[in-house]
Amino acid sequence: MGERCGWAGSEPIYQTYHDTEWGVPEYDGRALWEKLILDGFQAGLSWITILKKRDNFRAAFQGFDPDVIANWGEVDVERLLQDTGIIRHRGKIEATIGNARAFQEIEAGEGFSHFVWKYVDHAPLQNSWARLEDVPAHTDLSKQVSKDLKKAGFRFCGPTIVYAWMQACGVVNDHVVTCPRHADLS
């Protein structure tokens, strides 16, 4: 049996996330949206910081219900800026509110899950990276998805954020080939 991907480190919360969640195909539109928002909050920080605060984020953002968040305004932004359990970044908080509105538009049309998965014909891309160093930070596909999300009104969704999100949601299988999860998800 091989070793898990090196980025999972030694902290149990990180290893559990790697072993049970990261790279597992997610087809629920709302769950995909939540993960995109959290990846946006991660920009400039380590993922473990977000992972440790995820329950606080879920509480502060009403379970990441886009239909609730889309109606928020400045009072809610100010409330969230006082919440020490989350990342208090005005731009990211305001983007989340706008992203909820953009999500609603896509969801009312083709559906957010279809919007995401159509790029890969609704089946995860299977990569075969030998080493963690081989895994790219972004790809031509993540650049296209980022561009299309921005066109739809999303913010904090650059190509690197989008690629990390695609990896987390299993749109691409980027577990290294020596990791047992690579074969599990192939």
Protein backbone atom coordinates (compact mmCIF):
# COMPACT_ATOMS: atom_id res chain seq x y z
CA MET A 1 0.00 0.00 0.00
CA GLY A 2 1.35 3.42 -0.94
CA GLU A 3 1.49 6.60 1.08
CA ARG A 4 -1.14 9.33 0.97
CA CYS A 5 -0.39 12.55 -0.87
CA GLY A 6 2.33 14.52 0.91
CA TRP A 7 0.21 17.66 1.30
CA ALA A 8 -1.99 15.83 3.84
CA GLY A 9 0.79 16.18 6.41
CA SER A 10 0.51 14.70 9.89
CA GLU A 11 -2.48 16.54 11.37
CA PRO A 12 -5.45 14.20 11.78
CA ILE A 13 -7.99 16.74 10.47
CA TYR A 14 -5.97 17.12 7.27
CA GLN A 15 -5.44 13.38 6.85
CA THR A 16 -9.14 12.67 7.36
CA TYR A 17 -10.04 15.35 4.81
CA HIS A 18 -7.58 13.80 2.33
CA ASP A 19 -8.74 10.25 2.98
CA THR A 20 -12.50 10.81 2.91
CA GLU A 21 -13.35 14.00 1.05
CA TRP A 22 -10.67 15.52 -1.19
CA GLY A 23 -11.03 14.33 -4.75
CA VAL A 24 -14.35 12.55 -4.21
CA PRO A 25 -16.69 13.56 -7.06
CA GLU A 26 -19.27 16.05 -5.79
CA TYR A 27 -22.38 16.45 -7.92
CA ASP A 28 -24.59 18.46 -5.55
CA GLY A 29 -24.73 22.05 -6.81
CA ARG A 30 -25.01 23.63 -3.41
CA ALA A 31 -22.08 21.59 -2.01
CA LEU A 32 -20.01 22.57 -5.06
CA TRP A 33 -20.84 26.22 -4.39
CA GLU A 34 -19.87 25.95 -0.71
CA LYS A 35 -16.52 24.45 -1.64
CA LEU A 36 -15.88 27.20 -4.20
CA ILE A 37 -16.62 29.85 -1.57
CA LEU A 38 -14.29 28.20 0.92
CA ASP A 39 -11.56 27.94 -1.71
CA GLY A 40 -12.02 31.66 -2.33
CA PHE A 41 -11.56 32.38 1.36
CA GLN A 42 -8.41 30.25 1.30
CA ALA A 43 -6.70 32.56 -1.21
CA GLY A 44 -3.43 33.67 0.38
CA LEU A 45 -3.81 31.26 3.29
CA SER A 46 -3.27 27.56 3.89
CA TRP A 47 -6.16 25.16 3.34
CA ILE A 48 -5.82 23.75 6.85
CA THR A 49 -6.70 27.21 8.20
CA ILE A 50 -10.01 27.05 6.34
CA LEU A 51 -10.57 23.41 7.22
CA LYS A 52 -10.21 24.15 10.93
CA LYS A 53 -12.70 27.02 10.61
CA ARG A 54 -15.15 25.27 8.27
CA ASP A 55 -17.80 24.64 10.93
CA ASN A 56 -17.56 28.30 11.98
CA PHE A 57 -17.99 29.34 8.34
CA ARG A 58 -21.03 27.09 7.99
CA ALA A 59 -22.61 28.65 11.08
CA ALA A 60 -21.77 32.24 10.09
CA PHE A 61 -23.01 31.73 6.51
CA GLN A 62 -26.27 29.97 7.45
CA GLY A 63 -25.16 26.57 6.19
CA PHE A 64 -24.02 28.18 2.95
CA ASP A 65 -27.60 28.60 1.80
CA PRO A 66 -27.25 30.79 -1.31
CA ASP A 67 -30.93 31.74 -1.17
CA VAL A 68 -30.35 33.29 2.27
CA ILE A 69 -26.95 34.82 1.54
CA ALA A 70 -28.09 36.40 -1.76
CA ASN A 71 -30.35 38.72 0.26
CA TRP A 72 -27.64 39.94 2.61
CA GLY A 73 -26.32 43.48 2.64
CA GLU A 74 -23.97 45.80 4.52
CA VAL A 75 -25.38 44.92 7.96
CA ASP A 76 -24.49 41.28 7.34
CA VAL A 77 -21.04 42.20 6.03
CA GLU A 78 -20.38 44.19 9.22
CA ARG A 79 -21.67 41.31 11.39
CA LEU A 80 -19.34 38.86 9.64
CA LEU A 81 -16.39 41.23 9.93
CA GLN A 82 -16.79 40.92 13.73
CA ASP A 83 -16.91 37.09 13.68
CA THR A 84 -13.54 35.85 14.94
CA GLY A 85 -14.42 32.27 13.93
CA ILE A 86 -14.02 33.02 10.21
CA ILE A 87 -11.60 34.85 7.92
CA ARG A 88 -12.64 38.49 8.30
CA HIS A 89 -11.92 39.86 4.85
CA ARG A 90 -14.42 42.38 3.51
CA GLY A 91 -13.72 41.61 -0.15
CA LYS A 92 -14.19 37.87 0.33
CA ILE A 93 -17.36 38.36 2.38
CA GLU A 94 -18.84 40.74 -0.19
CA ALA A 95 -17.83 38.35 -2.97
CA THR A 96 -19.67 35.52 -1.19
CA ILE A 97 -22.88 37.54 -1.25
CA GLY A 98 -22.43 38.34 -4.94
CA ASN A 99 -21.46 34.74 -5.65
CA ALA A 100 -24.71 33.59 -4.03
CA ARG A 101 -26.60 35.74 -6.52
CA ALA A 102 -24.51 34.41 -9.42
CA PHE A 103 -25.13 30.85 -8.19
CA GLN A 104 -28.89 31.50 -8.17
CA GLU A 105 -28.76 32.64 -11.80
CA ILE A 106 -26.88 29.55 -12.94
CA GLU A 107 -28.99 27.25 -10.76
CA ALA A 108 -32.20 28.68 -12.26
CA GLY A 109 -30.85 27.95 -15.74
CA GLU A 110 -28.73 24.90 -16.47
CA GLY A 111 -28.05 24.13 -12.81
CA PHE A 112 -24.75 24.70 -11.07
CA SER A 113 -23.77 21.01 -11.03
CA HIS A 114 -24.26 20.76 -14.78
CA PHE A 115 -22.38 24.05 -15.25
CA VAL A 116 -19.37 22.57 -13.44
CA TRP A 117 -19.40 19.01 -14.74
CA LYS A 118 -20.08 19.80 -18.41
CA TYR A 119 -16.42 20.80 -18.78
CA VAL A 120 -15.38 17.17 -18.23
CA ASP A 121 -18.39 15.43 -19.81
CA HIS A 122 -19.73 14.68 -16.31
CA ALA A 123 -16.87 12.28 -15.45
CA PRO A 124 -13.73 13.12 -13.46
CA LEU A 125 -10.52 13.69 -15.38
CA GLN A 126 -8.02 11.04 -14.33
CA ASN A 127 -4.50 12.41 -13.98
CA SER A 128 -1.47 10.26 -13.23
CA TRP A 129 1.01 12.45 -11.39
CA ALA A 130 4.06 10.60 -10.06
CA ARG A 131 5.06 13.32 -7.58
CA LEU A 132 3.32 16.16 -5.79
CA GLU A 133 5.71 18.56 -7.54
CA ASP A 134 4.26 17.46 -10.89
CA VAL A 135 0.73 18.62 -10.07
CA PRO A 136 0.06 21.99 -11.71
CA ALA A 137 -1.30 25.02 -9.85
CA HIS A 138 -3.71 25.67 -12.72
CA THR A 139 -4.50 24.33 -16.17
CA ASP A 140 -6.03 25.57 -19.40
CA LEU A 141 -9.30 24.05 -18.20
CA SER A 142 -9.21 25.90 -14.88
CA LYS A 143 -8.49 29.12 -16.80
CA GLN A 144 -11.59 28.53 -18.94
CA VAL A 145 -13.82 27.65 -15.96
CA SER A 146 -12.51 30.71 -14.09
CA LYS A 147 -13.25 32.93 -17.08
CA ASP A 148 -16.79 31.52 -17.37
CA LEU A 149 -17.46 31.89 -13.63
CA LYS A 150 -16.30 35.51 -13.77
CA LYS A 151 -18.51 36.11 -16.80
CA ALA A 152 -21.42 34.73 -14.74
CA GLY A 153 -20.65 37.25 -11.96
CA PHE A 154 -18.41 35.27 -9.61
CA ARG A 155 -15.42 36.78 -7.79
CA PHE A 156 -12.44 35.19 -6.01
CA CYS A 157 -12.36 32.47 -8.62
CA GLY A 158 -9.07 32.83 -10.45
CA PRO A 159 -7.53 29.86 -12.28
CA THR A 160 -5.52 28.66 -9.26
CA ILE A 161 -8.50 28.83 -6.89
CA VAL A 162 -10.66 27.10 -9.50
CA TYR A 163 -8.11 24.32 -9.99
CA ALA A 164 -7.86 23.69 -6.24
CA TRP A 165 -11.67 23.57 -6.17
CA MET A 166 -11.81 21.17 -9.12
CA GLN A 167 -9.34 18.91 -7.31
CA ALA A 168 -11.28 19.08 -4.03
CA CYS A 169 -14.59 18.32 -5.75
CA GLY A 170 -13.21 15.41 -7.75
CA VAL A 171 -13.67 17.08 -11.12
CA VAL A 172 -10.05 16.03 -11.56
CA ASN A 173 -8.35 13.16 -9.74
CA ASP A 174 -5.03 14.66 -8.69
CA HIS A 175 -4.06 12.18 -6.00
CA VAL A 176 -0.54 11.07 -6.89
CA VAL A 177 -0.38 7.56 -8.33
CA THR A 178 1.37 6.18 -5.22
CA CYS A 179 -1.51 7.33 -3.00
CA PRO A 180 -4.14 4.64 -2.31
CA ARG A 181 -6.89 7.20 -2.97
CA HIS A 182 -5.76 7.57 -6.58
CA ALA A 183 -6.83 4.02 -7.41
CA ASP A 184 -9.93 4.28 -5.19
CA LEU A 185 -11.14 7.27 -7.23
CA SER A 186 -10.05 6.07 -10.68
